[in-house]
């Protein structure tokens, strides 16, 4: 989940000086199997702010897993791969 990524990057950077850091978070939403519904926020703008922080902390490659979709990817394209 995205809430763990910043702390994990900090921890990895403290011990790995010559390794690339790859993060591949999900949206952070939670699935309720009983109701078959998702709860939480999966907002592309929120993802942009998180990606900026992860880059500043030293993430080298950023992807996205469950419930990260095309809108999220489009929203960070210029940040991750400056034109």
Protein backbone atom coordinates (compact mmCIF):
# COMPACT_ATOMS: atom_id res chain seq x y z
CA UNK A 1 0.00 0.00 0.00
CA UNK A 2 1.24 3.55 -0.72
CA UNK A 3 1.25 4.50 2.96
CA UNK A 4 4.31 2.30 3.48
CA UNK A 5 6.37 3.40 0.48
CA UNK A 6 8.07 6.53 1.87
CA UNK A 7 9.24 4.74 4.99
CA UNK A 8 10.46 1.78 2.97
CA UNK A 9 12.45 4.03 0.63
CA UNK A 10 14.07 5.75 3.61
CA UNK A 11 14.99 2.40 5.15
CA UNK A 12 16.41 1.04 1.93
CA UNK A 13 18.41 4.18 1.19
CA UNK A 14 20.01 3.97 4.63
CA UNK A 15 21.56 0.57 3.87
CA UNK A 16 21.70 0.28 0.08
CA UNK A 17 23.93 2.88 -1.49
CA UNK A 18 24.43 1.42 -4.97
CA UNK A 19 21.12 -0.31 -5.72
CA UNK A 20 18.14 0.95 -7.68
CA UNK A 21 14.91 1.30 -5.71
CA UNK A 22 11.75 0.19 -7.46
CA UNK A 23 8.31 0.86 -5.98
CA UNK A 24 5.14 -0.73 -7.32
CA UNK A 25 2.33 0.24 -4.95
CA UNK A 26 -1.33 -0.54 -5.26
CA UNK A 27 -3.93 2.23 -4.88
CA UNK A 28 -4.21 1.79 -1.14
CA UNK A 29 -7.89 1.00 -1.39
CA UNK A 30 -9.31 -1.90 0.60
CA UNK A 31 -11.60 -4.57 -0.85
CA UNK A 32 -14.53 -5.79 1.22
CA UNK A 33 -15.07 -9.38 0.05
CA UNK A 34 -18.41 -9.63 1.80
CA UNK A 35 -19.91 -6.59 0.02
CA UNK A 36 -17.67 -6.91 -3.06
CA UNK A 37 -16.85 -3.21 -2.89
CA UNK A 38 -13.72 -1.09 -2.66
CA UNK A 39 -13.26 1.65 -0.08
CA UNK A 40 -10.71 4.39 0.14
CA UNK A 41 -9.44 6.95 -2.32
CA UNK A 42 -7.75 6.16 -5.60
CA UNK A 43 -7.31 9.71 -6.85
CA UNK A 44 -4.72 10.39 -9.59
CA UNK A 45 -3.92 13.79 -8.03
CA UNK A 46 -3.12 12.15 -4.70
CA UNK A 47 -0.92 9.66 -6.56
CA UNK A 48 0.99 12.56 -8.17
CA UNK A 49 1.86 14.00 -4.76
CA UNK A 50 3.01 10.61 -3.50
CA UNK A 51 5.13 10.02 -6.61
CA UNK A 52 6.85 13.39 -6.18
CA UNK A 53 7.73 12.48 -2.60
CA UNK A 54 9.01 9.04 -3.59
CA UNK A 55 11.25 10.57 -6.26
CA UNK A 56 12.62 13.10 -3.77
CA UNK A 57 13.34 10.26 -1.34
CA UNK A 58 15.29 8.39 -4.00
CA UNK A 59 12.98 5.98 -5.82
CA UNK A 60 14.47 5.17 -9.23
CA UNK A 61 11.58 3.33 -10.86
CA UNK A 62 7.91 3.82 -10.01
CA UNK A 63 5.09 1.62 -11.18
CA UNK A 64 1.63 0.80 -10.04
CA UNK A 65 -0.26 -2.34 -9.16
CA UNK A 66 -3.91 -3.03 -8.33
CA UNK A 67 -6.32 -0.17 -9.00
CA UNK A 68 -3.62 2.11 -10.41
CA UNK A 69 -4.93 2.83 -13.88
CA UNK A 70 -4.30 4.86 -17.03
CA UNK A 71 -5.36 8.15 -15.40
CA UNK A 72 -2.76 7.66 -12.67
CA UNK A 73 -0.06 6.89 -15.22
CA UNK A 74 -0.97 9.92 -17.39
CA UNK A 75 -0.93 12.16 -14.34
CA UNK A 76 2.67 11.28 -13.44
CA UNK A 77 4.14 10.91 -16.91
CA UNK A 78 5.82 14.33 -16.96
CA UNK A 79 7.09 13.91 -13.42
CA UNK A 80 8.64 10.49 -13.80
CA UNK A 81 9.88 11.02 -17.37
CA UNK A 82 10.36 14.75 -17.91
CA UNK A 83 9.80 15.85 -21.47
